[in-house]
Amino acid sequence: MDSDLALILGIILGGLSIPAILSNLSENRPPRSSAFLLLSGAGLIVYAVLSHPGGYRIEQIPDVFFSVLGRFLG
């Protein structure tokens, strides 16, 4: 898997897990599946940072996002 794709998927999965965790906690249910989603996203982000030479900087993330999006749409 490409490190750019892993980074973007990790950010998306992590972002989607936060509302799911809050929903589960507000309904007094254990957040098992949403915690798995958060851990999967964190794992993808760690994989991307470790496999990309030099890592990523915060200001690079929008450029990486749109380059990945352009590869799949174009």
N, C-alpha and C. Protein backbone atom coordinates (compact mmCIF):
# COMPACT_ATOMS: atom_id res chain seq x y z
N MET A 1 0.85 -1.17 0.00
CA MET A 1 0.00 0.00 0.00
C MET A 1 0.90 1.23 0.00
N ASP A 2 0.51 2.19 -0.76
CA ASP A 2 1.22 3.46 -0.85
C ASP A 2 1.12 4.19 0.49
N SER A 3 2.20 4.82 0.93
CA SER A 3 2.17 5.51 2.22
C SER A 3 1.23 6.71 2.22
N ASP A 4 1.09 7.38 1.06
CA ASP A 4 0.16 8.50 0.99
C ASP A 4 -1.29 8.02 1.18
N LEU A 5 -1.62 6.92 0.53
CA LEU A 5 -2.97 6.36 0.65
C LEU A 5 -3.22 5.89 2.08
N ALA A 6 -2.24 5.27 2.71
CA ALA A 6 -2.39 4.81 4.08
C ALA A 6 -2.62 5.99 5.02
N LEU A 7 -1.91 7.09 4.80
CA LEU A 7 -2.09 8.27 5.64
C LEU A 7 -3.50 8.83 5.52
N ILE A 8 -3.98 8.97 4.31
CA ILE A 8 -5.31 9.54 4.10
C ILE A 8 -6.39 8.61 4.65
N LEU A 9 -6.27 7.30 4.41
CA LEU A 9 -7.25 6.37 4.96
C LEU A 9 -7.24 6.38 6.49
N GLY A 10 -6.06 6.49 7.07
CA GLY A 10 -5.96 6.56 8.52
C GLY A 10 -6.63 7.80 9.09
N ILE A 11 -6.43 8.92 8.44
CA ILE A 11 -7.06 10.16 8.90
C ILE A 11 -8.58 10.08 8.77
N ILE A 12 -9.06 9.53 7.67
CA ILE A 12 -10.50 9.40 7.46
C ILE A 12 -11.12 8.44 8.47
N LEU A 13 -10.49 7.28 8.67
CA LEU A 13 -11.02 6.31 9.64
C LEU A 13 -11.01 6.89 11.06
N GLY A 14 -9.95 7.59 11.41
CA GLY A 14 -9.89 8.21 12.72
C GLY A 14 -10.95 9.28 12.90
N GLY A 15 -11.19 10.06 11.86
CA GLY A 15 -12.23 11.08 11.94
C GLY A 15 -13.63 10.50 12.03
N LEU A 16 -13.86 9.39 11.33
CA LEU A 16 -15.18 8.76 11.40
C LEU A 16 -15.42 8.04 12.72
N SER A 17 -14.36 7.66 13.40
CA SER A 17 -14.54 6.93 14.65
C SER A 17 -14.96 7.83 15.80
N ILE A 18 -14.63 9.10 15.76
CA ILE A 18 -14.93 9.98 16.88
C ILE A 18 -16.44 10.15 17.10
N PRO A 19 -17.25 10.44 16.07
CA PRO A 19 -18.70 10.50 16.32
C PRO A 19 -19.29 9.16 16.76
N ALA A 20 -18.72 8.07 16.24
CA ALA A 20 -19.22 6.75 16.63
C ALA A 20 -18.91 6.47 18.10
N ILE A 21 -17.75 6.84 18.56
CA ILE A 21 -17.40 6.66 19.98
C ILE A 21 -18.30 7.49 20.86
N LEU A 22 -18.52 8.75 20.48
CA LEU A 22 -19.40 9.61 21.29
C LEU A 22 -20.83 9.09 21.31
N SER A 23 -21.30 8.57 20.19
CA SER A 23 -22.65 8.01 20.14
C SER A 23 -22.78 6.79 21.04
N ASN A 24 -21.80 5.92 20.99
CA ASN A 24 -21.84 4.73 21.84
C ASN A 24 -21.78 5.09 23.31
N LEU A 25 -20.94 6.04 23.67
CA LEU A 25 -20.83 6.43 25.06
C LEU A 25 -22.09 7.12 25.56
N SER A 26 -22.74 7.90 24.71
CA SER A 26 -23.96 8.59 25.15
C SER A 26 -25.13 7.63 25.34
N GLU A 27 -25.09 6.48 24.67
CA GLU A 27 -26.14 5.48 24.82
C GLU A 27 -25.74 4.37 25.78
N ASN A 28 -24.67 4.59 26.55
CA ASN A 28 -24.18 3.64 27.55
C ASN A 28 -23.88 2.27 26.96
N ARG A 29 -23.32 2.25 25.76
CA ARG A 29 -22.88 1.01 25.12
C ARG A 29 -21.36 1.04 25.04
N PRO A 30 -20.73 -0.12 25.11
CA PRO A 30 -19.27 -0.12 24.97
C PRO A 30 -18.86 0.18 23.52
N PRO A 31 -17.92 1.07 23.32
CA PRO A 31 -17.52 1.46 21.96
C PRO A 31 -16.53 0.48 21.34
N ARG A 32 -16.93 -0.77 21.16
CA ARG A 32 -16.00 -1.78 20.65
C ARG A 32 -15.65 -1.55 19.18
N SER A 33 -16.66 -1.48 18.34
CA SER A 33 -16.38 -1.35 16.90
C SER A 33 -15.77 0.01 16.57
N SER A 34 -16.21 1.05 17.25
CA SER A 34 -15.65 2.37 16.97
C SER A 34 -14.22 2.48 17.51
N ALA A 35 -13.91 1.79 18.59
CA ALA A 35 -12.53 1.78 19.08
C ALA A 35 -11.64 1.02 18.11
N PHE A 36 -12.16 -0.08 17.52
CA PHE A 36 -11.41 -0.80 16.50
C PHE A 36 -11.15 0.09 15.29
N LEU A 37 -12.13 0.89 14.92
CA LEU A 37 -11.98 1.82 13.81
C LEU A 37 -10.89 2.86 14.12
N LEU A 38 -10.89 3.36 15.34
CA LEU A 38 -9.87 4.33 15.75
C LEU A 38 -8.48 3.71 15.76
N LEU A 39 -8.36 2.49 16.27
CA LEU A 39 -7.06 1.81 16.28
C LEU A 39 -6.58 1.48 14.88
N SER A 40 -7.49 1.13 13.99
CA SER A 40 -7.11 0.86 12.60
C SER A 40 -6.59 2.14 11.93
N GLY A 41 -7.27 3.25 12.17
CA GLY A 41 -6.82 4.52 11.61
C GLY A 41 -5.47 4.93 12.16
N ALA A 42 -5.27 4.75 13.46
CA ALA A 42 -3.98 5.09 14.06
C ALA A 42 -2.87 4.20 13.52
N GLY A 43 -3.18 2.93 13.32
CA GLY A 43 -2.19 2.01 12.76
C GLY A 43 -1.79 2.39 11.35
N LEU A 44 -2.78 2.80 10.55
CA LEU A 44 -2.47 3.23 9.18
C LEU A 44 -1.63 4.50 9.17
N ILE A 45 -1.91 5.41 10.08
CA ILE A 45 -1.13 6.65 10.15
C ILE A 45 0.31 6.34 10.56
N VAL A 46 0.48 5.47 11.55
CA VAL A 46 1.84 5.10 11.99
C VAL A 46 2.58 4.40 10.86
N TYR A 47 1.91 3.50 10.16
CA TYR A 47 2.55 2.81 9.02
C TYR A 47 2.99 3.83 7.97
N ALA A 48 2.12 4.79 7.66
CA ALA A 48 2.44 5.78 6.63
C ALA A 48 3.63 6.64 7.04
N VAL A 49 3.65 7.08 8.28
CA VAL A 49 4.75 7.94 8.74
C VAL A 49 6.07 7.18 8.76
N LEU A 50 6.03 5.91 9.17
CA LEU A 50 7.27 5.14 9.25
C LEU A 50 7.77 4.70 7.88
N SER A 51 6.86 4.49 6.93
CA SER A 51 7.30 4.00 5.62
C SER A 51 7.64 5.12 4.64
N HIS A 52 7.22 6.34 4.93
CA HIS A 52 7.54 7.47 4.06
C HIS A 52 8.90 8.03 4.46
N PRO A 53 9.83 8.15 3.53
CA PRO A 53 11.15 8.68 3.88
C PRO A 53 11.06 10.12 4.39
N GLY A 54 11.53 10.34 5.58
CA GLY A 54 11.49 11.67 6.17
C GLY A 54 10.19 12.00 6.87
N GLY A 55 9.20 11.13 6.81
CA GLY A 55 7.92 11.37 7.47
C GLY A 55 7.09 12.43 6.76
N TYR A 56 6.08 12.90 7.43
CA TYR A 56 5.19 13.93 6.89
C TYR A 56 5.20 15.14 7.80
N ARG A 57 4.99 16.29 7.22
CA ARG A 57 4.78 17.51 8.00
C ARG A 57 3.30 17.87 7.90
N ILE A 58 2.80 18.62 8.85
CA ILE A 58 1.38 18.98 8.89
C ILE A 58 0.97 19.73 7.63
N GLU A 59 1.81 20.60 7.13
CA GLU A 59 1.45 21.39 5.94
C GLU A 59 1.44 20.57 4.66
N GLN A 60 1.97 19.35 4.70
CA GLN A 60 1.95 18.49 3.52
C GLN A 60 0.64 17.73 3.37
N ILE A 61 -0.13 17.60 4.42
CA ILE A 61 -1.31 16.74 4.41
C ILE A 61 -2.35 17.15 3.36
N PRO A 62 -2.69 18.45 3.20
CA PRO A 62 -3.64 18.79 2.13
C PRO A 62 -3.13 18.42 0.73
N ASP A 63 -1.85 18.64 0.48
CA ASP A 63 -1.29 18.28 -0.83
C ASP A 63 -1.34 16.77 -1.05
N VAL A 64 -1.04 16.01 -0.01
CA VAL A 64 -1.10 14.55 -0.11
C VAL A 64 -2.53 14.10 -0.35
N PHE A 65 -3.48 14.71 0.36
CA PHE A 65 -4.89 14.34 0.20
C PHE A 65 -5.36 14.55 -1.23
N PHE A 66 -5.05 15.71 -1.78
CA PHE A 66 -5.53 16.00 -3.14
C PHE A 66 -4.76 15.21 -4.21
N SER A 67 -3.51 14.86 -3.94
CA SER A 67 -2.81 14.02 -4.91
C SER A 67 -3.37 12.60 -4.91
N VAL A 68 -3.73 12.08 -3.75
CA VAL A 68 -4.37 10.76 -3.69
C VAL A 68 -5.73 10.81 -4.34
N LEU A 69 -6.50 11.85 -4.07
CA LEU A 69 -7.82 12.01 -4.67
C LEU A 69 -7.71 12.14 -6.19
N GLY A 70 -6.71 12.85 -6.66
CA GLY A 70 -6.51 13.00 -8.10
C GLY A 70 -6.12 11.71 -8.78
N ARG A 71 -5.37 10.86 -8.08
CA ARG A 71 -5.00 9.56 -8.65
C ARG A 71 -6.22 8.67 -8.84
N PHE A 72 -7.18 8.75 -7.94
CA PHE A 72 -8.34 7.87 -8.04
C PHE A 72 -9.46 8.43 -8.91
N LEU A 73 -9.52 9.74 -9.05
CA LEU A 73 -10.56 10.33 -9.87
C LEU A 73 -10.10 10.60 -11.29
N GLY A 74 -8.81 10.74 -11.48
CA GLY A 74 -8.29 11.10 -12.79
C GLY A 74 -7.75 9.99 -13.61
